[in-house]
Structures are given as C-alpha cells and as structure tokens.
Amino acid sequence: MSVPAPRDAYGTHVLADLGGIAADMLRDPAALEAILLNAAKAAGATVLSAHFHHFGGEHGVTGVVLLAESHVTIHTWPEHRFAALDIFMCGKARAEDAVAQIARELKAEARNVRTCERGVVPPR
C-alpha cells in the first residue's frame, strides 16, 4: 500500500474551550447565532445556513453555522459558564480569527485553543 506524498493543508481545524462566560449569554440562541455568523463572515468565510437549538429553561444551546469552507459549531453549558467551539475552515478563511472574535464577544475569561492543520500527511 502506498502512502500519499505530503501536501499543504486543506484547512485549519480549531477546538476552543471558553470559560467564565455570563450564563445568560450561553442560553440565548439568537445572540449566539449572531456572534457566530459575524465571526464567520469576519474570518472570510461564506455562510450557507445556520441552526441553533436551546434546550429550554436554564439549559444551554447547540448551534451550527454551515460554511462553504466547512463549519462553526458551539455547545454551551451555562451552569458551568462554559462553551465549546469547533471551527474548521479551508481556503483563505481564517479559523483562528473566528475563534478570537467569538471569545471577545462572549467576554470569555479563560480560553484553551488547539489548532490542527487538516490534510497534511506526515512523512513515514
């Protein structure tokens, strides 16, 4: 079995854990949708659609923004003042810029960001 040659990455995949966010913000699907849509556009991505679901009462929100360049997702836990982001963007879109803008708009007090270039095959 042959191994493909190394190549440039197809895209950047960022996982971000954001903490210290106001619980009421993490329960507001409309506000979260606006924040993620604005961040995707500011990062140079093309928005195709979005869907956000609030689990009711004091519970959190799960949301996805579908992009021509891939996706932005958020899952929130208001009781822990925590949000998990998953952002994958290819082409000229800038996933790291989207994360930074979302963290700013949510006024996150803490963040743990992990970035992975997707599509790179390491040499054997």
Protein backbone atom coordinates (compact mmCIF):
# COMPACT_ATOMS: atom_id res chain seq x y z
CA MET A 1 0.00 0.00 0.00
CA SER A 2 1.48 3.36 -0.99
CA VAL A 3 1.37 6.42 1.24
CA PRO A 4 0.35 9.72 -0.34
CA ALA A 5 3.06 12.38 -0.52
CA PRO A 6 2.94 15.25 2.00
CA ARG A 7 0.96 18.25 0.81
CA ASP A 8 -0.18 21.63 2.03
CA ALA A 9 -3.05 21.53 4.49
CA TYR A 10 -6.59 21.58 3.15
CA GLY A 11 -7.75 23.63 6.11
CA THR A 12 -7.39 24.61 9.73
CA HIS A 13 -9.40 22.91 12.46
CA VAL A 14 -9.63 24.74 15.78
CA LEU A 15 -11.10 23.40 19.02
CA ALA A 16 -11.60 26.07 21.66
CA ASP A 17 -12.82 25.75 25.23
CA LEU A 18 -14.06 29.09 26.56
CA GLY A 19 -14.81 29.70 30.22
CA GLY A 20 -16.03 32.42 32.53
CA ILE A 21 -18.86 33.49 30.21
CA ALA A 22 -22.10 35.03 31.53
CA ALA A 23 -24.65 32.22 31.87
CA ASP A 24 -27.49 34.24 30.32
CA MET A 25 -25.45 34.69 27.12
CA LEU A 26 -24.94 30.92 26.91
CA ARG A 27 -28.73 30.39 26.98
CA ASP A 28 -29.51 32.87 24.19
CA PRO A 29 -29.63 31.12 20.80
CA ALA A 30 -30.32 34.33 18.84
CA ALA A 31 -27.34 36.15 20.37
CA LEU A 32 -25.06 33.16 19.85
CA GLU A 33 -26.17 32.80 16.25
CA ALA A 34 -25.44 36.48 15.56
CA ILE A 35 -21.99 36.19 17.18
CA LEU A 36 -21.03 33.08 15.20
CA LEU A 37 -22.39 34.44 11.91
CA ASN A 38 -20.48 37.71 12.34
CA ALA A 39 -17.28 35.86 13.28
CA ALA A 40 -17.53 33.53 10.27
CA LYS A 41 -18.01 36.45 7.90
CA ALA A 42 -15.20 38.46 9.51
CA ALA A 43 -12.92 35.42 9.08
CA GLY A 44 -13.57 35.46 5.35
CA ALA A 45 -15.97 32.51 5.23
CA THR A 46 -19.15 32.15 3.18
CA VAL A 47 -22.21 31.33 5.31
CA LEU A 48 -24.62 28.80 3.77
CA SER A 49 -27.02 28.25 6.68
CA ALA A 50 -27.33 28.15 10.45
CA HIS A 51 -29.34 26.24 13.02
CA PHE A 52 -29.37 26.84 16.78
CA HIS A 53 -31.29 24.91 19.42
CA HIS A 54 -31.91 25.95 23.05
CA PHE A 55 -32.61 23.02 25.32
CA GLY A 56 -35.04 25.09 27.41
CA GLY A 57 -35.07 26.67 30.83
CA GLU A 58 -31.64 27.02 32.37
CA HIS A 59 -30.04 24.67 29.85
CA GLY A 60 -27.64 25.55 27.07
CA VAL A 61 -27.56 25.84 23.31
CA THR A 62 -26.13 23.80 20.46
CA GLY A 63 -25.58 25.62 17.21
CA VAL A 64 -24.02 25.10 13.81
CA VAL A 65 -23.11 27.50 11.05
CA LEU A 66 -22.59 25.66 7.78
CA LEU A 67 -19.98 27.30 5.58
CA ALA A 68 -18.86 26.85 2.01
CA GLU A 69 -15.46 26.41 3.70
CA SER A 70 -16.81 23.89 6.31
CA HIS A 71 -18.38 24.77 9.69
CA VAL A 72 -18.52 26.61 13.02
CA THR A 73 -20.23 24.88 15.97
CA ILE A 74 -20.88 25.79 19.57
CA HIS A 75 -22.15 23.81 22.54
CA THR A 76 -22.84 25.66 25.80
CA TRP A 77 -23.13 24.74 29.46
CA PRO A 78 -24.47 27.85 31.26
CA GLU A 79 -24.30 26.14 34.65
CA HIS A 80 -20.52 25.94 34.20
CA ARG A 81 -20.18 29.26 32.30
CA PHE A 82 -18.53 27.19 29.54
CA ALA A 83 -18.72 26.97 25.74
CA ALA A 84 -17.01 24.53 23.39
CA LEU A 85 -16.25 25.67 19.84
CA ASP A 86 -15.35 23.53 16.84
CA ILE A 87 -14.29 25.53 13.79
CA PHE A 88 -12.98 24.10 10.54
CA MET A 89 -12.22 26.41 7.62
CA CYS A 90 -10.42 25.78 4.37
CA GLY A 91 -9.25 28.04 1.60
CA LYS A 92 -8.47 31.62 2.61
CA ALA A 93 -10.91 31.64 5.55
CA ARG A 94 -9.19 32.17 8.92
CA ALA A 95 -10.50 29.87 11.67
CA GLU A 96 -8.25 31.42 14.34
CA ASP A 97 -9.73 34.87 13.64
CA ALA A 98 -13.24 33.50 14.12
CA VAL A 99 -12.28 31.97 17.50
CA ALA A 100 -10.69 35.21 18.68
CA GLN A 101 -13.75 37.26 17.73
CA ILE A 102 -16.19 34.82 19.36
CA ALA A 103 -14.13 34.78 22.58
CA ARG A 104 -14.09 38.61 22.63
CA GLU A 105 -17.82 38.92 22.02
CA LEU A 106 -18.64 36.33 24.69
CA LYS A 107 -16.22 38.11 27.07
CA ALA A 108 -14.60 34.76 27.87
CA GLU A 109 -12.35 34.98 30.91
CA ALA A 110 -10.43 31.82 30.00
CA ARG A 111 -9.65 30.02 26.79
CA ASN A 112 -7.86 26.86 25.74
CA VAL A 113 -7.34 26.73 21.97
CA ARG A 114 -5.98 23.77 20.00
CA THR A 115 -5.24 24.09 16.29
CA CYS A 116 -4.66 21.33 13.77
CA GLU A 117 -3.84 21.64 10.08
CA ARG A 118 -6.07 19.13 8.26
CA GLY A 119 -4.99 17.16 5.22
CA VAL A 120 -1.28 17.05 5.98
CA VAL A 121 0.16 13.57 5.66
CA PRO A 122 3.30 13.25 7.81
CA PRO A 123 6.32 11.54 6.24
CA ARG A 124 6.95 7.94 7.35
